[in-house]
All heavy atoms as atom14 arrays in JSON, in Angstrom:
{
  "sequence": "PSANRHDFVYGLPEINRERIAKARHVANPGCFAT",
  "atom14_mask": [
    [1, 1, 1, 1, 1, 1, 1, 0, 0, 0, 0, 0, 0, 0],
    [1, 1, 1, 1, 1, 1, 0, 0, 0, 0, 0, 0, 0, 0],
    [1, 1, 1, 1, 1, 0, 0, 0, 0, 0, 0, 0, 0, 0],
    [1, 1, 1, 1, 1, 1, 1, 1, 0, 0, 0, 0, 0, 0],
    [1, 1, 1, 1, 1, 1, 1, 1, 1, 1, 1, 0, 0, 0],
    [1, 1, 1, 1, 1, 1, 1, 1, 1, 1, 0, 0, 0, 0],
    [1, 1, 1, 1, 1, 1, 1, 1, 0, 0, 0, 0, 0, 0],
    [1, 1, 1, 1, 1, 1, 1, 1, 1, 1, 1, 0, 0, 0],
    [1, 1, 1, 1, 1, 1, 1, 0, 0, 0, 0, 0, 0, 0],
    [1, 1, 1, 1, 1, 1, 1, 1, 1, 1, 1, 1, 0, 0],
    [1, 1, 1, 1, 0, 0, 0, 0, 0, 0, 0, 0, 0, 0],
    [1, 1, 1, 1, 1, 1, 1, 1, 0, 0, 0, 0, 0, 0],
    [1, 1, 1, 1, 1, 1, 1, 0, 0, 0, 0, 0, 0, 0],
    [1, 1, 1, 1, 1, 1, 1, 1, 1, 0, 0, 0, 0, 0],
    [1, 1, 1, 1, 1, 1, 1, 1, 0, 0, 0, 0, 0, 0],
    [1, 1, 1, 1, 1, 1, 1, 1, 0, 0, 0, 0, 0, 0],
    [1, 1, 1, 1, 1, 1, 1, 1, 1, 1, 1, 0, 0, 0],
    [1, 1, 1, 1, 1, 1, 1, 1, 1, 0, 0, 0, 0, 0],
    [1, 1, 1, 1, 1, 1, 1, 1, 1, 1, 1, 0, 0, 0],
    [1, 1, 1, 1, 1, 1, 1, 1, 0, 0, 0, 0, 0, 0],
    [1, 1, 1, 1, 1, 0, 0, 0, 0, 0, 0, 0, 0, 0],
    [1, 1, 1, 1, 1, 1, 1, 1, 1, 0, 0, 0, 0, 0],
    [1, 1, 1, 1, 1, 0, 0, 0, 0, 0, 0, 0, 0, 0],
    [1, 1, 1, 1, 1, 1, 1, 1, 1, 1, 1, 0, 0, 0],
    [1, 1, 1, 1, 1, 1, 1, 1, 1, 1, 0, 0, 0, 0],
    [1, 1, 1, 1, 1, 1, 1, 0, 0, 0, 0, 0, 0, 0],
    [1, 1, 1, 1, 1, 0, 0, 0, 0, 0, 0, 0, 0, 0],
    [1, 1, 1, 1, 1, 1, 1, 1, 0, 0, 0, 0, 0, 0],
    [1, 1, 1, 1, 1, 1, 1, 0, 0, 0, 0, 0, 0, 0],
    [1, 1, 1, 1, 0, 0, 0, 0, 0, 0, 0, 0, 0, 0],
    [1, 1, 1, 1, 1, 1, 0, 0, 0, 0, 0, 0, 0, 0],
    [1, 1, 1, 1, 1, 1, 1, 1, 1, 1, 1, 0, 0, 0],
    [1, 1, 1, 1, 1, 0, 0, 0, 0, 0, 0, 0, 0, 0],
    [1, 1, 1, 1, 1, 1, 1, 0, 0, 0, 0, 0, 0, 0]
  ],
  "atom14_positions": [
    [[0.8, -1.23, 0.0], [0.0, 0.0, 0.0], [0.83, 1.27, 0.0], [0.43, 2.29, -0.54], [-0.81, -0.11, 1.29], [-0.94, -1.57, 1.51], [0.35, -2.18, 1.02], [0.0, 0.0, 0.0], [0.0, 0.0, 0.0], [0.0, 0.0, 0.0], [0.0, 0.0, 0.0], [0.0, 0.0, 0.0], [0.0, 0.0, 0.0], [0.0, 0.0, 0.0]],
    [[2.0, 1.23, 0.64], [2.89, 2.39, 0.63], [4.02, 2.16, -0.35], [4.88, 1.31, -0.14], [3.47, 2.63, 2.03], [4.52, 3.56, 1.93], [0.0, 0.0, 0.0], [0.0, 0.0, 0.0], [0.0, 0.0, 0.0], [0.0, 0.0, 0.0], [0.0, 0.0, 0.0], [0.0, 0.0, 0.0], [0.0, 0.0, 0.0], [0.0, 0.0, 0.0]],
    [[4.02, 2.91, -1.44], [5.12, 2.81, -2.4], [6.0, 4.05, -2.32], [6.82, 4.3, -3.19], [4.57, 2.64, -3.81], [0.0, 0.0, 0.0], [0.0, 0.0, 0.0], [0.0, 0.0, 0.0], [0.0, 0.0, 0.0], [0.0, 0.0, 0.0], [0.0, 0.0, 0.0], [0.0, 0.0, 0.0], [0.0, 0.0, 0.0], [0.0, 0.0, 0.0]],
    [[5.82, 4.84, -1.26], [6.62, 6.06, -1.1], [8.06, 5.69, -0.74], [8.33, 4.72, -0.04], [6.04, 6.94, 0.02], [4.66, 7.45, -0.33], [4.37, 7.69, -1.49], [3.82, 7.6, 0.68], [0.0, 0.0, 0.0], [0.0, 0.0, 0.0], [0.0, 0.0, 0.0], [0.0, 0.0, 0.0], [0.0, 0.0, 0.0], [0.0, 0.0, 0.0]],
    [[8.98, 6.49, -1.22], [10.37, 6.27, -0.85], [10.56, 6.64, 0.62], [9.9, 7.53, 1.15], [11.27, 7.12, -1.75], [11.21, 6.73, -3.22], [12.34, 7.35, -4.0], [13.63, 6.86, -3.57], [14.17, 5.7, -3.96], [13.49, 4.92, -4.78], [15.36, 5.33, -3.54], [0.0, 0.0, 0.0], [0.0, 0.0, 0.0], [0.0, 0.0, 0.0]],
    [[11.47, 5.93, 1.27], [11.75, 6.23, 2.67], [13.23, 5.99, 2.93], [13.94, 5.41, 2.11], [10.87, 5.36, 3.58], [11.13, 3.88, 3.47], [12.23, 3.28, 4.03], [10.44, 2.88, 2.86], [12.21, 1.98, 3.79], [11.13, 1.71, 3.07], [0.0, 0.0, 0.0], [0.0, 0.0, 0.0], [0.0, 0.0, 0.0], [0.0, 0.0, 0.0]],
    [[13.69, 6.46, 4.09], [15.11, 6.35, 4.42], [15.37, 5.38, 5.56], [16.42, 5.4, 6.19], [15.69, 7.73, 4.76], [15.09, 8.32, 6.04], [14.07, 7.78, 6.53], [15.63, 9.32, 6.54], [0.0, 0.0, 0.0], [0.0, 0.0, 0.0], [0.0, 0.0, 0.0], [0.0, 0.0, 0.0], [0.0, 0.0, 0.0], [0.0, 0.0, 0.0]],
    [[14.4, 4.51, 5.85], [14.57, 3.54, 6.94], [15.59, 2.47, 6.56], [15.54, 1.91, 5.46], [13.24, 2.89, 7.3], [12.38, 3.7, 8.21], [11.69, 4.81, 7.74], [12.25, 3.38, 9.56], [10.89, 5.58, 8.58], [11.46, 4.13, 10.41], [10.78, 5.23, 9.92], [0.0, 0.0, 0.0], [0.0, 0.0, 0.0], [0.0, 0.0, 0.0]],
    [[16.48, 2.17, 7.48], [17.45, 1.09, 7.32], [16.88, -0.15, 7.98], [16.34, -0.09, 9.09], [18.81, 1.46, 7.96], [19.75, 0.27, 8.0], [19.44, 2.62, 7.2], [0.0, 0.0, 0.0], [0.0, 0.0, 0.0], [0.0, 0.0, 0.0], [0.0, 0.0, 0.0], [0.0, 0.0, 0.0], [0.0, 0.0, 0.0], [0.0, 0.0, 0.0]],
    [[17.01, -1.29, 7.31], [16.51, -2.55, 7.86], [17.41, -2.97, 9.02], [18.62, -3.19, 8.86], [16.49, -3.62, 6.78], [15.81, -4.9, 7.2], [14.44, -4.93, 7.46], [16.53, -6.08, 7.31], [13.81, -6.1, 7.84], [15.9, -7.27, 7.68], [14.54, -7.26, 7.94], [13.91, -8.44, 8.32], [0.0, 0.0, 0.0], [0.0, 0.0, 0.0]],
    [[16.82, -3.09, 10.22], [17.59, -3.22, 11.45], [17.97, -4.62, 11.86], [17.69, -5.03, 13.0], [0.0, 0.0, 0.0], [0.0, 0.0, 0.0], [0.0, 0.0, 0.0], [0.0, 0.0, 0.0], [0.0, 0.0, 0.0], [0.0, 0.0, 0.0], [0.0, 0.0, 0.0], [0.0, 0.0, 0.0], [0.0, 0.0, 0.0], [0.0, 0.0, 0.0]],
    [[18.64, -5.35, 10.97], [19.2, -6.65, 11.34], [20.71, -6.46, 11.52], [21.46, -6.41, 10.54], [18.91, -7.69, 10.26], [19.19, -9.15, 10.66], [18.19, -9.61, 11.73], [19.14, -10.08, 9.46], [0.0, 0.0, 0.0], [0.0, 0.0, 0.0], [0.0, 0.0, 0.0], [0.0, 0.0, 0.0], [0.0, 0.0, 0.0], [0.0, 0.0, 0.0]],
    [[21.19, -6.32, 12.75], [22.59, -5.95, 12.97], [23.59, -6.91, 12.36], [24.69, -6.5, 11.97], [22.7, -5.94, 14.51], [21.32, -5.67, 14.99], [20.42, -6.38, 14.01], [0.0, 0.0, 0.0], [0.0, 0.0, 0.0], [0.0, 0.0, 0.0], [0.0, 0.0, 0.0], [0.0, 0.0, 0.0], [0.0, 0.0, 0.0], [0.0, 0.0, 0.0]],
    [[23.23, -8.18, 12.25], [24.18, -9.17, 11.75], [24.62, -8.89, 10.31], [25.68, -9.36, 9.89], [23.57, -10.58, 11.87], [23.5, -11.12, 13.29], [22.38, -10.54, 14.13], [21.58, -9.73, 13.61], [22.29, -10.88, 15.32], [0.0, 0.0, 0.0], [0.0, 0.0, 0.0], [0.0, 0.0, 0.0], [0.0, 0.0, 0.0], [0.0, 0.0, 0.0]],
    [[23.82, -8.14, 9.55], [24.23, -7.81, 8.18], [24.24, -6.31, 7.91], [24.82, -5.88, 6.9], [23.35, -8.51, 7.13], [21.87, -8.13, 7.29], [23.54, -10.01, 7.19], [20.99, -8.62, 6.15], [0.0, 0.0, 0.0], [0.0, 0.0, 0.0], [0.0, 0.0, 0.0], [0.0, 0.0, 0.0], [0.0, 0.0, 0.0], [0.0, 0.0, 0.0]],
    [[23.63, -5.5, 8.78], [23.5, -4.07, 8.5], [24.05, -3.18, 9.6], [23.67, -2.01, 9.7], [22.02, -3.71, 8.25], [21.52, -4.19, 6.91], [22.29, -4.36, 5.97], [20.22, -4.43, 6.81], [0.0, 0.0, 0.0], [0.0, 0.0, 0.0], [0.0, 0.0, 0.0], [0.0, 0.0, 0.0], [0.0, 0.0, 0.0], [0.0, 0.0, 0.0]],
    [[24.96, -3.68, 10.41], [25.43, -2.91, 11.58], [25.97, -1.53, 11.19], [25.66, -0.52, 11.82], [26.49, -3.71, 12.34], [26.96, -3.04, 13.63], [27.9, -3.93, 14.42], [27.17, -5.02, 15.07], [27.14, -6.28, 14.62], [27.78, -6.6, 13.51], [26.47, -7.2, 15.26], [0.0, 0.0, 0.0], [0.0, 0.0, 0.0], [0.0, 0.0, 0.0]],
    [[26.79, -1.47, 10.16], [27.39, -0.18, 9.77], [26.34, 0.81, 9.29], [26.43, 2.01, 9.59], [28.46, -0.41, 8.69], [29.68, -1.14, 9.19], [30.76, -1.29, 8.13], [30.56, -0.73, 7.02], [31.78, -1.94, 8.4], [0.0, 0.0, 0.0], [0.0, 0.0, 0.0], [0.0, 0.0, 0.0], [0.0, 0.0, 0.0], [0.0, 0.0, 0.0]],
    [[25.35, 0.34, 8.56], [24.28, 1.22, 8.09], [23.41, 1.67, 9.25], [22.98, 2.83, 9.3], [23.43, 0.5, 7.03], [24.16, 0.2, 5.73], [23.23, -0.46, 4.75], [22.12, 0.41, 4.41], [20.89, -0.01, 4.08], [20.61, -1.3, 4.09], [19.95, 0.86, 3.78], [0.0, 0.0, 0.0], [0.0, 0.0, 0.0], [0.0, 0.0, 0.0]],
    [[23.15, 0.78, 10.2], [22.34, 1.14, 11.38], [23.05, 2.22, 12.18], [22.41, 3.16, 12.68], [22.09, -0.11, 12.25], [21.2, -1.12, 11.51], [21.45, 0.28, 13.59], [21.19, -2.5, 12.13], [0.0, 0.0, 0.0], [0.0, 0.0, 0.0], [0.0, 0.0, 0.0], [0.0, 0.0, 0.0], [0.0, 0.0, 0.0], [0.0, 0.0, 0.0]],
    [[24.37, 2.12, 12.3], [25.14, 3.09, 13.08], [25.01, 4.51, 12.53], [25.11, 5.48, 13.29], [26.61, 2.67, 13.11], [0.0, 0.0, 0.0], [0.0, 0.0, 0.0], [0.0, 0.0, 0.0], [0.0, 0.0, 0.0], [0.0, 0.0, 0.0], [0.0, 0.0, 0.0], [0.0, 0.0, 0.0], [0.0, 0.0, 0.0], [0.0, 0.0, 0.0]],
    [[24.76, 4.64, 11.25], [24.64, 5.95, 10.61], [23.19, 6.37, 10.39], [22.93, 7.47, 9.9], [25.37, 5.93, 9.26], [26.85, 5.6, 9.35], [27.46, 5.47, 7.97], [28.92, 5.07, 8.04], [29.49, 4.87, 6.67], [0.0, 0.0, 0.0], [0.0, 0.0, 0.0], [0.0, 0.0, 0.0], [0.0, 0.0, 0.0], [0.0, 0.0, 0.0]],
    [[22.24, 5.51, 10.75], [20.84, 5.73, 10.39], [20.14, 6.71, 11.32], [20.44, 6.79, 12.52], [20.09, 4.41, 10.38], [0.0, 0.0, 0.0], [0.0, 0.0, 0.0], [0.0, 0.0, 0.0], [0.0, 0.0, 0.0], [0.0, 0.0, 0.0], [0.0, 0.0, 0.0], [0.0, 0.0, 0.0], [0.0, 0.0, 0.0], [0.0, 0.0, 0.0]],
    [[19.19, 7.44, 10.76], [18.28, 8.26, 11.55], [16.99, 7.49, 11.83], [16.36, 7.68, 12.88], [17.97, 9.55, 10.79], [17.22, 10.6, 11.58], [17.29, 11.94, 10.9], [16.63, 11.95, 9.61], [15.37, 12.35, 9.41], [14.65, 12.76, 10.43], [14.84, 12.35, 8.21], [0.0, 0.0, 0.0], [0.0, 0.0, 0.0], [0.0, 0.0, 0.0]],
    [[16.61, 6.62, 10.89], [15.39, 5.83, 11.02], [15.73, 4.35, 10.79], [16.42, 4.02, 9.82], [14.34, 6.26, 9.98], [13.91, 7.68, 10.13], [13.44, 8.44, 9.07], [13.85, 8.49, 11.22], [13.11, 9.64, 9.5], [13.36, 9.7, 10.8], [0.0, 0.0, 0.0], [0.0, 0.0, 0.0], [0.0, 0.0, 0.0], [0.0, 0.0, 0.0]],
    [[15.23, 3.49, 11.67], [15.48, 2.05, 11.55], [14.16, 1.3, 11.59], [13.3, 1.57, 12.44], [16.42, 1.55, 12.68], [16.4, 0.02, 12.77], [17.84, 2.05, 12.43], [0.0, 0.0, 0.0], [0.0, 0.0, 0.0], [0.0, 0.0, 0.0], [0.0, 0.0, 0.0], [0.0, 0.0, 0.0], [0.0, 0.0, 0.0], [0.0, 0.0, 0.0]],
    [[14.01, 0.35, 10.66], [12.85, -0.54, 10.65], [13.26, -1.85, 11.3], [14.1, -2.59, 10.76], [12.37, -0.77, 9.21], [0.0, 0.0, 0.0], [0.0, 0.0, 0.0], [0.0, 0.0, 0.0], [0.0, 0.0, 0.0], [0.0, 0.0, 0.0], [0.0, 0.0, 0.0], [0.0, 0.0, 0.0], [0.0, 0.0, 0.0], [0.0, 0.0, 0.0]],
    [[12.7, -2.14, 12.46], [13.04, -3.36, 13.18], [12.47, -4.57, 12.44], [11.31, -4.55, 12.02], [12.45, -3.28, 14.59], [13.34, -3.93, 15.63], [14.5, -3.56, 15.77], [12.79, -4.89, 16.35], [0.0, 0.0, 0.0], [0.0, 0.0, 0.0], [0.0, 0.0, 0.0], [0.0, 0.0, 0.0], [0.0, 0.0, 0.0], [0.0, 0.0, 0.0]],
    [[13.25, -5.64, 12.27], [12.74, -6.82, 11.54], [11.59, -7.51, 12.26], [11.41, -7.38, 13.47], [13.97, -7.74, 11.48], [15.14, -6.82, 11.63], [14.68, -5.75, 12.56], [0.0, 0.0, 0.0], [0.0, 0.0, 0.0], [0.0, 0.0, 0.0], [0.0, 0.0, 0.0], [0.0, 0.0, 0.0], [0.0, 0.0, 0.0], [0.0, 0.0, 0.0]],
    [[10.83, -8.29, 11.51], [9.77, -9.11, 12.09], [10.35, -10.28, 12.86], [11.51, -10.67, 12.68], [0.0, 0.0, 0.0], [0.0, 0.0, 0.0], [0.0, 0.0, 0.0], [0.0, 0.0, 0.0], [0.0, 0.0, 0.0], [0.0, 0.0, 0.0], [0.0, 0.0, 0.0], [0.0, 0.0, 0.0], [0.0, 0.0, 0.0], [0.0, 0.0, 0.0]],
    [[9.53, -10.87, 13.73], [10.02, -11.95, 14.6], [10.33, -13.22, 13.82], [11.44, -13.76, 13.91], [9.03, -12.21, 15.73], [7.33, -12.5, 15.2], [0.0, 0.0, 0.0], [0.0, 0.0, 0.0], [0.0, 0.0, 0.0], [0.0, 0.0, 0.0], [0.0, 0.0, 0.0], [0.0, 0.0, 0.0], [0.0, 0.0, 0.0], [0.0, 0.0, 0.0]],
    [[9.37, -13.72, 13.03], [9.65, -14.88, 12.19], [10.81, -14.58, 11.25], [11.69, -15.42, 11.03], [8.42, -15.24, 11.36], [7.48, -16.21, 12.01], [6.11, -15.96, 12.03], [7.93, -17.4, 12.56], [5.22, -16.87, 12.6], [7.06, -18.31, 13.15], [5.7, -18.04, 13.17], [0.0, 0.0, 0.0], [0.0, 0.0, 0.0], [0.0, 0.0, 0.0]],
    [[10.79, -13.38, 10.66], [11.83, -13.02, 9.7], [13.21, -13.07, 10.34], [14.17, -13.58, 9.74], [11.56, -11.63, 9.14], [0.0, 0.0, 0.0], [0.0, 0.0, 0.0], [0.0, 0.0, 0.0], [0.0, 0.0, 0.0], [0.0, 0.0, 0.0], [0.0, 0.0, 0.0], [0.0, 0.0, 0.0], [0.0, 0.0, 0.0], [0.0, 0.0, 0.0]],
    [[13.34, -12.56, 11.56], [14.63, -12.58, 12.25], [15.13, -14.0, 12.43], [16.27, -14.34, 12.1], [14.52, -11.89, 13.62], [14.21, -10.5, 13.41], [15.82, -12.0, 14.4], [0.0, 0.0, 0.0], [0.0, 0.0, 0.0], [0.0, 0.0, 0.0], [0.0, 0.0, 0.0], [0.0, 0.0, 0.0], [0.0, 0.0, 0.0], [0.0, 0.0, 0.0]]
  ]
}
């Protein structure tokens, strides 16, 4: 439903730690997904 661009970084530290460290907005992963 939302096709708008956004600046959220996907918050899985095991693969995105460096991006999370610089992020202003973080999208926390889902439980099953994690």
